[in-house]
């Protein structure tokens, strides 16, 4: 698998040096036993997950069901295990990178959505007003991420129900009506809204794969990482949001701005600073506008490939939402 697709180890062809099928089986069973104990050593789990990555990929790529994978590799659906698997798969620490980039660029995106986009659509403005009422006086990074994600869904005219499934705040895992949950990775929200909820669960293929009291950001990156780790299509109902979500984290600031400010001199320093800030704001607005348009255009072309091919009739597309050729995933996200 080429690095340009993000998955640098999608189809591992050889066992690690010193490993055999027997040793891999033994380690898999050891991980299963460790999962039953809450005091499992994280370092040992990390080491075992890393050394058995070959077998994990073999099982995933063979098309084993989510239930089967959960029985054989329970840590793969846990925060610790998915971090290891995702990093071996893509070379990226999903939790660290996503958290860092949300802190670094999330506010800029939220500011763009709430100051520019909010005036361009009556429907979007109504959604923003509704979210503000639901959020109330709550503040913090997690609340901003919730608002950003919900606004992105509204901007792309995609439904929250495709990503979130709401249950009562006292609902137990066995009480969730899984028959009504989407087949694709879904965040189970225990509460009337993302703002009022204090715990979340994760569902894959209508199986509750993580029923721990997850924080919102943890549930978010577990949901997002599941698309890569388990070869799952972006559902058409969320394609634009997910396509955009993996892109707006590589904005680089120009290093020349600081130098320009110094060269402006003390007497013109304030004027130069104001000019640079204005330029930076305009540049930021144009960048976010461009990214949002590209995400929508990319998904449009994926849904209507004849736009690229030049043919007069639509090309037939695979409609399955379960497995995916890894070439489709450009993990340029982070």
C-alpha atoms as a PDB file:
ATOM      1  CA  UNK A   1       0.000   0.000   0.000  1.00  0.00           C
ATOM      2  CA  UNK A   2       1.402   3.353  -1.001  1.00  0.00           C
ATOM      3  CA  UNK A   3       2.065   6.003   1.617  1.00  0.00           C
ATOM      4  CA  UNK A   4      -0.029   8.482  -0.379  1.00  0.00           C
ATOM      5  CA  UNK A   5      -3.116   6.555   0.704  1.00  0.00           C
ATOM      6  CA  UNK A   6      -2.156   6.997   4.319  1.00  0.00           C
ATOM      7  CA  UNK A   7      -2.189   3.303   5.190  1.00  0.00           C
ATOM      8  CA  UNK A   8       1.489   2.345   5.157  1.00  0.00           C
ATOM      9  CA  UNK A   9       0.832  -1.148   6.535  1.00  0.00           C
ATOM     10  CA  UNK A  10      -2.615  -2.032   5.258  1.00  0.00           C
ATOM     11  CA  UNK A  11      -1.723  -5.504   3.987  1.00  0.00           C
ATOM     12  CA  UNK A  12       1.234  -6.860   5.966  1.00  0.00           C
ATOM     13  CA  UNK A  13       2.707  -9.789   4.044  1.00  0.00           C
ATOM     14  CA  UNK A  14       5.178 -11.270   6.508  1.00  0.00           C
ATOM     15  CA  UNK A  15       5.216 -12.208  10.170  1.00  0.00           C
ATOM     16  CA  UNK A  16       7.561 -10.192  12.399  1.00  0.00           C
ATOM     17  CA  UNK A  17      11.040 -11.649  12.792  1.00  0.00           C
ATOM     18  CA  UNK A  18      11.029 -14.381  15.417  1.00  0.00           C
ATOM     19  CA  UNK A  19       7.255 -14.824  15.299  1.00  0.00           C
ATOM     20  CA  UNK A  20       5.266 -17.888  14.192  1.00  0.00           C
ATOM     21  CA  UNK A  21       1.566 -18.610  13.799  1.00  0.00           C
ATOM     22  CA  UNK A  22       1.725 -20.453  17.116  1.00  0.00           C
ATOM     23  CA  UNK A  23       3.336 -17.538  18.973  1.00  0.00           C
ATOM     24  CA  UNK A  24       0.794 -15.129  17.463  1.00  0.00           C
ATOM     25  CA  UNK A  25      -2.050 -17.340  18.658  1.00  0.00           C
ATOM     26  CA  UNK A  26      -0.569 -17.518  22.147  1.00  0.00           C
ATOM     27  CA  UNK A  27      -0.242 -13.740  22.335  1.00  0.00           C
ATOM     28  CA  UNK A  28      -3.791 -13.272  21.083  1.00  0.00           C
ATOM     29  CA  UNK A  29      -5.077 -15.548  23.850  1.00  0.00           C
ATOM     30  CA  UNK A  30      -2.948 -13.717  26.410  1.00  0.00           C
ATOM     31  CA  UNK A  31      -4.474 -10.406  25.330  1.00  0.00           C
ATOM     32  CA  UNK A  32      -7.949 -11.896  25.668  1.00  0.00           C
ATOM     33  CA  UNK A  33      -7.169 -12.957  29.233  1.00  0.00           C
ATOM     34  CA  UNK A  34      -5.645  -9.576  30.095  1.00  0.00           C
ATOM     35  CA  UNK A  35      -8.756  -7.799  28.864  1.00  0.00           C
ATOM     36  CA  UNK A  36     -10.773  -9.550  31.576  1.00  0.00           C
ATOM     37  CA  UNK A  37      -8.725  -7.795  34.258  1.00  0.00           C
ATOM     38  CA  UNK A  38      -8.927  -4.076  34.932  1.00  0.00           C
ATOM     39  CA  UNK A  39      -5.325  -3.958  36.163  1.00  0.00           C
ATOM     40  CA  UNK A  40      -3.732  -5.060  32.875  1.00  0.00           C
ATOM     41  CA  UNK A  41      -0.308  -3.494  32.326  1.00  0.00           C
ATOM     42  CA  UNK A  42      -0.673  -0.835  29.564  1.00  0.00           C
ATOM     43  CA  UNK A  43       2.938  -1.234  28.443  1.00  0.00           C
ATOM     44  CA  UNK A  44       2.563  -4.986  28.085  1.00  0.00           C
ATOM     45  CA  UNK A  45      -0.728  -4.568  26.214  1.00  0.00           C
ATOM     46  CA  UNK A  46       0.917  -2.063  23.865  1.00  0.00           C
ATOM     47  CA  UNK A  47       3.822  -4.433  23.209  1.00  0.00           C
ATOM     48  CA  UNK A  48       1.540  -7.404  22.534  1.00  0.00           C
ATOM     49  CA  UNK A  49      -0.782  -5.410  20.269  1.00  0.00           C
ATOM     50  CA  UNK A  50       2.180  -4.157  18.278  1.00  0.00           C
ATOM     51  CA  UNK A  51       3.750  -7.609  17.885  1.00  0.00           C
ATOM     52  CA  UNK A  52       0.440  -9.149  16.755  1.00  0.00           C
ATOM     53  CA  UNK A  53      -0.430  -6.376  14.278  1.00  0.00           C
ATOM     54  CA  UNK A  54       0.250  -8.772  11.386  1.00  0.00           C
ATOM     55  CA  UNK A  55      -2.452 -11.195  12.537  1.00  0.00           C
ATOM     56  CA  UNK A  56      -4.871  -8.389  13.359  1.00  0.00           C
ATOM     57  CA  UNK A  57      -4.623  -7.059   9.795  1.00  0.00           C
ATOM     58  CA  UNK A  58      -5.008 -10.551   8.372  1.00  0.00           C
ATOM     59  CA  UNK A  59      -8.236 -11.054  10.297  1.00  0.00           C
ATOM     60  CA  UNK A  60      -9.634  -7.622   9.383  1.00  0.00           C
ATOM     61  CA  UNK A  61      -8.756  -7.951   5.702  1.00  0.00           C
ATOM     62  CA  UNK A  62     -10.230 -11.451   5.570  1.00  0.00           C
ATOM     63  CA  UNK A  63     -13.573  -9.819   6.279  1.00  0.00           C
ATOM     64  CA  UNK A  64     -14.234 -11.264   9.718  1.00  0.00           C
ATOM     65  CA  UNK A  65     -17.308  -9.846  11.389  1.00  0.00           C
ATOM     66  CA  UNK A  66     -17.127  -7.160  14.043  1.00  0.00           C
ATOM     67  CA  UNK A  67     -18.448  -9.647  16.607  1.00  0.00           C
ATOM     68  CA  UNK A  68     -15.703 -12.127  15.737  1.00  0.00           C
ATOM     69  CA  UNK A  69     -13.004  -9.447  15.825  1.00  0.00           C
ATOM     70  CA  UNK A  70     -14.253  -8.227  19.175  1.00  0.00           C
ATOM     71  CA  UNK A  71     -14.000 -11.722  20.638  1.00  0.00           C
ATOM     72  CA  UNK A  72     -10.529 -12.319  19.239  1.00  0.00           C
ATOM     73  CA  UNK A  73      -9.097  -8.800  19.694  1.00  0.00           C
ATOM     74  CA  UNK A  74     -11.062  -7.008  22.441  1.00  0.00           C
ATOM     75  CA  UNK A  75      -8.321  -4.401  22.938  1.00  0.00           C
ATOM     76  CA  UNK A  76      -8.711  -3.370  19.293  1.00  0.00           C
ATOM     77  CA  UNK A  77     -11.969  -1.642  20.285  1.00  0.00           C
ATOM     78  CA  UNK A  78     -10.417  -0.042  23.345  1.00  0.00           C
ATOM     79  CA  UNK A  79      -8.624   3.311  23.368  1.00  0.00           C
ATOM     80  CA  UNK A  80      -5.209   1.789  24.070  1.00  0.00           C
ATOM     81  CA  UNK A  81      -5.474  -0.941  21.449  1.00  0.00           C
ATOM     82  CA  UNK A  82      -6.821   1.276  18.675  1.00  0.00           C
ATOM     83  CA  UNK A  83      -4.047   3.813  19.228  1.00  0.00           C
ATOM     84  CA  UNK A  84      -1.467   1.065  18.656  1.00  0.00           C
ATOM     85  CA  UNK A  85      -3.238  -0.430  15.632  1.00  0.00           C
ATOM     86  CA  UNK A  86      -3.912   2.938  13.982  1.00  0.00           C
ATOM     87  CA  UNK A  87      -0.298   4.027  14.434  1.00  0.00           C
ATOM     88  CA  UNK A  88       1.015   0.784  12.911  1.00  0.00           C
ATOM     89  CA  UNK A  89      -1.498   1.158  10.082  1.00  0.00           C
ATOM     90  CA  UNK A  90      -0.889   4.825   9.237  1.00  0.00           C
ATOM     91  CA  UNK A  91       2.184   5.928  11.198  1.00  0.00           C
ATOM     92  CA  UNK A  92      -0.005   8.413  13.104  1.00  0.00           C
ATOM     93  CA  UNK A  93      -0.906   8.591  16.800  1.00  0.00           C
ATOM     94  CA  UNK A  94      -4.593   9.327  16.277  1.00  0.00           C
ATOM     95  CA  UNK A  95      -5.396  10.478  19.813  1.00  0.00           C
ATOM     96  CA  UNK A  96      -2.389  12.742  20.271  1.00  0.00           C
ATOM     97  CA  UNK A  97      -2.534  14.226  16.776  1.00  0.00           C
ATOM     98  CA  UNK A  98      -6.272  14.804  16.667  1.00  0.00           C
ATOM     99  CA  UNK A  99      -6.346  16.334  20.150  1.00  0.00           C
ATOM    100  CA  UNK A 100      -3.394  18.596  19.346  1.00  0.00           C
ATOM    101  CA  UNK A 101      -4.842  19.818  16.060  1.00  0.00           C
ATOM    102  CA  UNK A 102      -8.294  20.388  17.502  1.00  0.00           C
ATOM    103  CA  UNK A 103      -6.677  22.569  20.177  1.00  0.00           C
ATOM    104  CA  UNK A 104      -4.574  24.353  17.564  1.00  0.00           C
ATOM    105  CA  UNK A 105      -7.091  24.915  14.778  1.00  0.00           C
ATOM    106  CA  UNK A 106     -10.527  24.064  16.154  1.00  0.00           C
ATOM    107  CA  UNK A 107     -11.196  27.585  17.411  1.00  0.00           C
ATOM    108  CA  UNK A 108     -10.326  29.100  14.042  1.00  0.00           C
ATOM    109  CA  UNK A 109     -12.739  26.791  12.253  1.00  0.00           C
ATOM    110  CA  UNK A 110     -15.468  27.419  14.825  1.00  0.00           C
ATOM    111  CA  UNK A 111     -14.926  31.159  14.483  1.00  0.00           C
ATOM    112  CA  UNK A 112     -15.292  30.900  10.702  1.00  0.00           C
ATOM    113  CA  UNK A 113     -18.494  28.877  11.008  1.00  0.00           C
ATOM    114  CA  UNK A 114     -20.052  31.239  13.550  1.00  0.00           C
ATOM    115  CA  UNK A 115     -19.007  34.553  11.961  1.00  0.00           C
ATOM    116  CA  UNK A 116     -18.985  33.913   8.196  1.00  0.00           C
ATOM    117  CA  UNK A 117     -21.137  30.873   7.423  1.00  0.00           C
ATOM    118  CA  UNK A 118     -23.855  31.832   9.877  1.00  0.00           C
ATOM    119  CA  UNK A 119     -24.856  34.811   7.687  1.00  0.00           C
ATOM    120  CA  UNK A 120     -24.990  32.884   4.412  1.00  0.00           C
ATOM    121  CA  UNK A 121     -27.891  30.550   5.122  1.00  0.00           C
ATOM    122  CA  UNK A 122     -31.094  30.970   7.080  1.00  0.00           C
ATOM    123  CA  UNK A 123     -31.193  27.242   7.839  1.00  0.00           C
ATOM    124  CA  UNK A 124     -27.613  27.281   9.111  1.00  0.00           C
ATOM    125  CA  UNK A 125     -28.378  30.346  11.250  1.00  0.00           C
ATOM    126  CA  UNK A 126     -31.361  28.551  12.781  1.00  0.00           C
ATOM    127  CA  UNK A 127     -29.183  25.526  13.575  1.00  0.00           C
ATOM    128  CA  UNK A 128     -26.583  27.785  15.189  1.00  0.00           C
ATOM    129  CA  UNK A 129     -29.245  29.480  17.328  1.00  0.00           C
ATOM    130  CA  UNK A 130     -30.642  26.090  18.398  1.00  0.00           C
ATOM    131  CA  UNK A 131     -27.186  24.815  19.381  1.00  0.00           C
ATOM    132  CA  UNK A 132     -26.509  27.979  21.367  1.00  0.00           C
ATOM    133  CA  UNK A 133     -29.690  27.430  23.359  1.00  0.00           C
ATOM    134  CA  UNK A 134     -28.781  23.800  23.985  1.00  0.00           C
ATOM    135  CA  UNK A 135     -25.226  24.645  24.985  1.00  0.00           C
ATOM    136  CA  UNK A 136     -26.250  27.354  27.434  1.00  0.00           C
ATOM    137  CA  UNK A 137     -23.410  28.537  29.646  1.00  0.00           C
ATOM    138  CA  UNK A 138     -21.228  25.466  29.165  1.00  0.00           C
ATOM    139  CA  UNK A 139     -17.680  26.183  28.029  1.00  0.00           C
ATOM    140  CA  UNK A 140     -14.441  24.339  27.404  1.00  0.00           C
ATOM    141  CA  UNK A 141     -12.592  22.559  24.608  1.00  0.00           C
ATOM    142  CA  UNK A 142     -14.984  19.601  24.539  1.00  0.00           C
ATOM    143  CA  UNK A 143     -18.035  21.860  24.165  1.00  0.00           C
ATOM    144  CA  UNK A 144     -16.381  23.751  21.307  1.00  0.00           C
ATOM    145  CA  UNK A 145     -15.583  20.493  19.503  1.00  0.00           C
ATOM    146  CA  UNK A 146     -19.221  19.410  19.857  1.00  0.00           C
ATOM    147  CA  UNK A 147     -20.444  22.708  18.436  1.00  0.00           C
ATOM    148  CA  UNK A 148     -17.899  22.616  15.592  1.00  0.00           C
ATOM    149  CA  UNK A 149     -18.889  19.097  14.561  1.00  0.00           C
ATOM    150  CA  UNK A 150     -22.627  19.763  14.756  1.00  0.00           C
ATOM    151  CA  UNK A 151     -22.227  22.948  12.720  1.00  0.00           C
ATOM    152  CA  UNK A 152     -20.206  21.099  10.083  1.00  0.00           C
ATOM    153  CA  UNK A 153     -23.021  18.560   9.763  1.00  0.00           C
ATOM    154  CA  UNK A 154     -25.472  21.413   9.277  1.00  0.00           C
ATOM    155  CA  UNK A 155     -23.215  23.208   6.791  1.00  0.00           C
ATOM    156  CA  UNK A 156     -23.020  20.106   4.595  1.00  0.00           C
ATOM    157  CA  UNK A 157     -26.749  19.428   5.100  1.00  0.00           C
ATOM    158  CA  UNK A 158     -26.023  16.044   6.683  1.00  0.00           C
ATOM    159  CA  UNK A 159     -28.048  14.509   9.479  1.00  0.00           C
ATOM    160  CA  UNK A 160     -26.884  14.212  13.065  1.00  0.00           C
ATOM    161  CA  UNK A 161     -28.772  10.909  13.334  1.00  0.00           C
ATOM    162  CA  UNK A 162     -26.243   9.306  10.993  1.00  0.00           C
ATOM    163  CA  UNK A 163     -23.420   9.972  13.438  1.00  0.00           C
ATOM    164  CA  UNK A 164     -25.183  10.101  16.816  1.00  0.00           C
ATOM    165  CA  UNK A 165     -27.834   7.858  18.351  1.00  0.00           C
ATOM    166  CA  UNK A 166     -29.495   9.243  21.467  1.00  0.00           C
ATOM    167  CA  UNK A 167     -30.675   7.167  24.424  1.00  0.00           C
ATOM    168  CA  UNK A 168     -31.774   8.046  27.953  1.00  0.00           C
ATOM    169  CA  UNK A 169     -28.989   9.216  30.238  1.00  0.00           C
ATOM    170  CA  UNK A 170     -29.654   6.236  32.531  1.00  0.00           C
ATOM    171  CA  UNK A 171     -29.739   3.707  29.674  1.00  0.00           C
ATOM    172  CA  UNK A 172     -27.618   0.587  30.147  1.00  0.00           C
ATOM    173  CA  UNK A 173     -25.670  -1.023  27.302  1.00  0.00           C
ATOM    174  CA  UNK A 174     -28.027  -3.988  27.067  1.00  0.00           C
ATOM    175  CA  UNK A 175     -31.032  -1.622  26.839  1.00  0.00           C
ATOM    176  CA  UNK A 176     -29.886   0.142  23.669  1.00  0.00           C
ATOM    177  CA  UNK A 177     -32.200  -0.658  20.738  1.00  0.00           C
ATOM    178  CA  UNK A 178     -29.446  -1.631  18.320  1.00  0.00           C
ATOM    179  CA  UNK A 179     -31.898  -2.420  15.533  1.00  0.00           C
ATOM    180  CA  UNK A 180     -32.435   1.331  15.086  1.00  0.00           C
ATOM    181  CA  UNK A 181     -28.734   2.229  15.164  1.00  0.00           C
ATOM    182  CA  UNK A 182     -26.905   2.828  11.840  1.00  0.00           C
ATOM    183  CA  UNK A 183     -24.601   0.024  10.646  1.00  0.00           C
ATOM    184  CA  UNK A 184     -21.640   2.366  10.314  1.00  0.00           C
ATOM    185  CA  UNK A 185     -19.571   3.630  13.294  1.00  0.00           C
ATOM    186  CA  UNK A 186     -21.996   5.512  15.527  1.00  0.00           C
ATOM    187  CA  UNK A 187     -21.574   7.418  18.777  1.00  0.00           C
ATOM    188  CA  UNK A 188     -24.236   6.452  21.316  1.00  0.00           C
ATOM    189  CA  UNK A 189     -25.128   9.600  23.266  1.00  0.00           C
ATOM    190  CA  UNK A 190     -26.501   8.932  26.740  1.00  0.00           C
ATOM    191  CA  UNK A 191     -28.684  12.003  27.067  1.00  0.00           C
ATOM    192  CA  UNK A 192     -31.014  14.304  25.132  1.00  0.00           C
ATOM    193  CA  UNK A 193     -28.121  16.118  23.453  1.00  0.00           C
ATOM    194  CA  UNK A 194     -24.339  16.025  23.128  1.00  0.00           C
ATOM    195  CA  UNK A 195     -24.198  18.993  25.493  1.00  0.00           C
ATOM    196  CA  UNK A 196     -26.212  17.426  28.300  1.00  0.00           C
ATOM    197  CA  UNK A 197     -24.607  13.983  28.022  1.00  0.00           C
ATOM    198  CA  UNK A 198     -21.729  12.974  30.286  1.00  0.00           C
ATOM    199  CA  UNK A 199     -21.033   9.564  28.788  1.00  0.00           C
ATOM    200  CA  UNK A 200     -20.882   8.013  25.349  1.00  0.00           C
ATOM    201  CA  UNK A 201     -20.594   4.538  23.825  1.00  0.00           C
ATOM    202  CA  UNK A 202     -19.509   3.305  20.401  1.00  0.00           C
ATOM    203  CA  UNK A 203     -21.435   1.061  18.015  1.00  0.00           C
ATOM    204  CA  UNK A 204     -20.068  -0.739  14.952  1.00  0.00           C
ATOM    205  CA  UNK A 205     -22.283  -2.804  12.690  1.00  0.00           C
ATOM    206  CA  UNK A 206     -25.007  -2.538  15.370  1.00  0.00           C
ATOM    207  CA  UNK A 207     -22.708  -4.020  18.012  1.00  0.00           C
ATOM    208  CA  UNK A 208     -21.776  -2.069  21.111  1.00  0.00           C
ATOM    209  CA  UNK A 209     -18.006  -2.432  20.951  1.00  0.00           C
ATOM    210  CA  UNK A 210     -17.123   0.054  23.673  1.00  0.00           C
ATOM    211  CA  UNK A 211     -19.532   0.569  26.552  1.00  0.00           C
ATOM    212  CA  UNK A 212     -17.159   2.379  28.875  1.00  0.00           C
ATOM    213  CA  UNK A 213     -17.959   5.890  30.057  1.00  0.00           C
ATOM    214  CA  UNK A 214     -16.178   7.586  27.165  1.00  0.00           C
ATOM    215  CA  UNK A 215     -15.595  11.333  26.966  1.00  0.00           C
ATOM    216  CA  UNK A 216     -16.868  13.002  23.811  1.00  0.00           C
ATOM    217  CA  UNK A 217     -13.462  13.531  22.180  1.00  0.00           C
ATOM    218  CA  UNK A 218     -12.473   9.923  22.925  1.00  0.00           C
ATOM    219  CA  UNK A 219     -15.696   8.660  21.351  1.00  0.00           C
ATOM    220  CA  UNK A 220     -15.068  10.941  18.371  1.00  0.00           C
ATOM    221  CA  UNK A 221     -11.582   9.678  17.503  1.00  0.00           C
ATOM    222  CA  UNK A 222     -12.580   6.060  18.186  1.00  0.00           C
ATOM    223  CA  UNK A 223     -15.463   6.488  15.742  1.00  0.00           C
ATOM    224  CA  UNK A 224     -13.234   8.138  13.159  1.00  0.00           C
ATOM    225  CA  UNK A 225     -10.404   5.625  13.596  1.00  0.00           C
ATOM    226  CA  UNK A 226     -12.817   2.726  13.136  1.00  0.00           C
ATOM    227  CA  UNK A 227     -13.325   3.659   9.486  1.00  0.00           C
ATOM    228  CA  UNK A 228      -9.624   3.065   8.851  1.00  0.00           C
ATOM    229  CA  UNK A 229      -8.962   0.133  11.161  1.00  0.00           C
ATOM    230  CA  UNK A 230     -11.931  -1.923   9.931  1.00  0.00           C
ATOM    231  CA  UNK A 231     -12.035  -0.924   6.233  1.00  0.00           C
ATOM    232  CA  UNK A 232     -15.421   0.798   6.437  1.00  0.00           C
ATOM    233  CA  UNK A 233     -16.885   3.112   3.807  1.00  0.00           C
ATOM    234  CA  UNK A 234     -17.748   6.668   4.692  1.00  0.00           C
ATOM    235  CA  UNK A 235     -21.568   6.515   4.614  1.00  0.00           C
ATOM    236  CA  UNK A 236     -23.050   8.775   1.953  1.00  0.00           C
ATOM    237  CA  UNK A 237     -25.060  10.530   4.683  1.00  0.00           C
ATOM    238  CA  UNK A 238     -21.827  11.750   6.338  1.00  0.00           C
ATOM    239  CA  UNK A 239     -19.374  11.765   3.458  1.00  0.00           C
ATOM    240  CA  UNK A 240     -18.790  15.522   3.263  1.00  0.00           C
ATOM    241  CA  UNK A 241     -18.367  16.025   7.006  1.00  0.00           C
ATOM    242  CA  UNK A 242     -15.967  13.102   7.392  1.00  0.00           C
ATOM    243  CA  UNK A 243     -14.068  14.091   4.252  1.00  0.00           C
ATOM    244  CA  UNK A 244     -13.610  17.593   5.618  1.00  0.00           C
ATOM    245  CA  UNK A 245     -12.910  16.421   9.145  1.00  0.00           C
ATOM    246  CA  UNK A 246      -9.781  14.604   8.037  1.00  0.00           C
ATOM    247  CA  UNK A 247      -8.423  17.623   6.182  1.00  0.00           C
ATOM    248  CA  UNK A 248      -8.424  20.889   8.160  1.00  0.00           C
ATOM    249  CA  UNK A 249      -5.502  20.064  10.396  1.00  0.00           C
ATOM    250  CA  UNK A 250      -2.547  20.876   8.178  1.00  0.00           C
ATOM    251  CA  UNK A 251      -2.826  24.660   8.097  1.00  0.00           C
ATOM    252  CA  UNK A 252       0.651  26.110   8.378  1.00  0.00           C
ATOM    253  CA  UNK A 253       1.399  29.598   9.447  1.00  0.00           C
ATOM    254  CA  UNK A 254       3.885  31.517   7.353  1.00  0.00           C
ATOM    255  CA  UNK A 255       7.135  32.087   9.221  1.00  0.00           C
ATOM    256  CA  UNK A 256       7.731  35.328   7.361  1.00  0.00           C
ATOM    257  CA  UNK A 257       4.999  37.268   9.176  1.00  0.00           C
ATOM    258  CA  UNK A 258       7.030  37.673  12.343  1.00  0.00           C
ATOM    259  CA  UNK A 259      10.014  38.885  10.324  1.00  0.00           C
ATOM    260  CA  UNK A 260       7.855  41.332   8.408  1.00  0.00           C
ATOM    261  CA  UNK A 261       6.609  42.782  11.678  1.00  0.00           C
ATOM    262  CA  UNK A 262      10.138  43.296  12.983  1.00  0.00           C
ATOM    263  CA  UNK A 263      11.287  44.966   9.771  1.00  0.00           C
ATOM    264  CA  UNK A 264       8.397  47.394   9.875  1.00  0.00           C
ATOM    265  CA  UNK A 265      10.233  49.318  12.587  1.00  0.00           C
ATOM    266  CA  UNK A 266       9.077  50.689  15.903  1.00  0.00           C
ATOM    267  CA  UNK A 267       7.245  53.699  14.492  1.00  0.00           C
ATOM    268  CA  UNK A 268       5.239  51.683  12.014  1.00  0.00           C
ATOM    269  CA  UNK A 269       4.951  48.593  14.178  1.00  0.00           C
ATOM    270  CA  UNK A 270       1.309  49.040  15.109  1.00  0.00           C
ATOM    271  CA  UNK A 271       0.212  49.773  11.567  1.00  0.00           C
ATOM    272  CA  UNK A 272       2.179  46.803  10.268  1.00  0.00           C
ATOM    273  CA  UNK A 273       0.705  44.529  12.931  1.00  0.00           C
ATOM    274  CA  UNK A 274      -2.839  45.600  12.087  1.00  0.00           C
ATOM    275  CA  UNK A 275      -2.176  45.050   8.384  1.00  0.00           C
ATOM    276  CA  UNK A 276      -0.718  41.598   9.010  1.00  0.00           C
ATOM    277  CA  UNK A 277      -3.640  40.628  11.252  1.00  0.00           C
ATOM    278  CA  UNK A 278      -6.118  41.731   8.593  1.00  0.00           C
ATOM    279  CA  UNK A 279      -4.237  39.786   5.940  1.00  0.00           C
ATOM    280  CA  UNK A 280      -4.093  36.752   8.212  1.00  0.00           C
ATOM    281  CA  UNK A 281      -7.849  36.945   8.849  1.00  0.00           C
ATOM    282  CA  UNK A 282      -8.674  37.230   5.147  1.00  0.00           C
ATOM    283  CA  UNK A 283      -6.306  34.378   4.375  1.00  0.00           C
ATOM    284  CA  UNK A 284      -7.844  32.228   7.107  1.00  0.00           C
ATOM    285  CA  UNK A 285     -11.370  32.902   5.840  1.00  0.00           C
ATOM    286  CA  UNK A 286     -10.402  32.018   2.276  1.00  0.00           C
ATOM    287  CA  UNK A 287      -8.636  28.841   3.416  1.00  0.00           C
ATOM    288  CA  UNK A 288     -11.630  27.557   5.385  1.00  0.00           C
ATOM    289  CA  UNK A 289     -13.996  28.524   2.573  1.00  0.00           C
ATOM    290  CA  UNK A 290     -11.810  26.639   0.101  1.00  0.00           C
ATOM    291  CA  UNK A 291     -11.571  23.550   2.299  1.00  0.00           C
ATOM    292  CA  UNK A 292     -15.316  23.379   2.834  1.00  0.00           C
ATOM    293  CA  UNK A 293     -15.920  23.686  -0.913  1.00  0.00           C
ATOM    294  CA  UNK A 294     -13.293  21.046  -1.713  1.00  0.00           C
ATOM    295  CA  UNK A 295     -14.785  18.594   0.767  1.00  0.00           C
ATOM    296  CA  UNK A 296     -18.215  19.002  -0.793  1.00  0.00           C
ATOM    297  CA  UNK A 297     -16.781  18.819  -4.342  1.00  0.00           C
ATOM    298  CA  UNK A 298     -14.700  15.728  -3.528  1.00  0.00           C
ATOM    299  CA  UNK A 299     -17.730  13.860  -2.220  1.00  0.00           C
ATOM    300  CA  UNK A 300     -19.840  15.040  -5.159  1.00  0.00           C
ATOM    301  CA  UNK A 301     -17.304  13.589  -7.594  1.00  0.00           C
ATOM    302  CA  UNK A 302     -17.138  10.373  -5.607  1.00  0.00           C
ATOM    303  CA  UNK A 303     -20.919  10.063  -5.772  1.00  0.00           C
ATOM    304  CA  UNK A 304     -21.101  11.181  -9.429  1.00  0.00           C
ATOM    305  CA  UNK A 305     -17.890   9.944 -11.086  1.00  0.00           C
ATOM    306  CA  UNK A 306     -19.137  10.697 -14.581  1.00  0.00           C
ATOM    307  CA  UNK A 307     -18.366  14.362 -13.819  1.00  0.00           C
ATOM    308  CA  UNK A 308     -14.684  13.410 -13.931  1.00  0.00           C
ATOM    309  CA  UNK A 309     -14.846  10.804 -16.684  1.00  0.00           C
ATOM    310  CA  UNK A 310     -16.757  12.974 -19.136  1.00  0.00           C
ATOM    311  CA  UNK A 311     -19.224  10.193 -19.958  1.00  0.00           C
ATOM    312  CA  UNK A 312     -22.851  11.085 -20.606  1.00  0.00           C
ATOM    313  CA  UNK A 313     -24.319   8.529 -18.222  1.00  0.00           C
ATOM    314  CA  UNK A 314     -23.594   7.816 -14.568  1.00  0.00           C
ATOM    315  CA  UNK A 315     -21.106   5.081 -13.817  1.00  0.00           C
ATOM    316  CA  UNK A 316     -22.353   2.220 -11.704  1.00  0.00           C
ATOM    317  CA  UNK A 317     -21.133   2.406  -8.135  1.00  0.00           C
ATOM    318  CA  UNK A 318     -20.859  -0.067  -5.327  1.00  0.00           C
ATOM    319  CA  UNK A 319     -23.516   0.780  -2.759  1.00  0.00           C
ATOM    320  CA  UNK A 320     -22.224  -1.330   0.101  1.00  0.00           C
ATOM    321  CA  UNK A 321     -21.281   0.588   3.246  1.00  0.00           C
ATOM    322  CA  UNK A 322     -19.310  -2.158   4.913  1.00  0.00           C
ATOM    323  CA  UNK A 323     -15.970  -2.822   3.234  1.00  0.00           C
ATOM    324  CA  UNK A 324     -13.723  -0.507   1.280  1.00  0.00           C
ATOM    325  CA  UNK A 325     -10.741  -0.638  -1.015  1.00  0.00           C
ATOM    326  CA  UNK A 326      -8.024   1.079   1.035  1.00  0.00           C
ATOM    327  CA  UNK A 327      -7.122   3.251  -1.952  1.00  0.00           C
ATOM    328  CA  UNK A 328     -10.239   5.316  -1.257  1.00  0.00           C
ATOM    329  CA  UNK A 329      -8.881   6.465   2.082  1.00  0.00           C
ATOM    330  CA  UNK A 330      -6.369   9.284   1.820  1.00  0.00           C
ATOM    331  CA  UNK A 331      -5.287   9.535   5.428  1.00  0.00           C
ATOM    332  CA  UNK A 332      -3.930  13.015   4.916  1.00  0.00           C
ATOM    333  CA  UNK A 333      -6.045  13.886   7.847  1.00  0.00           C
ATOM    334  CA  UNK A 334      -3.478  14.596  10.341  1.00  0.00           C
END
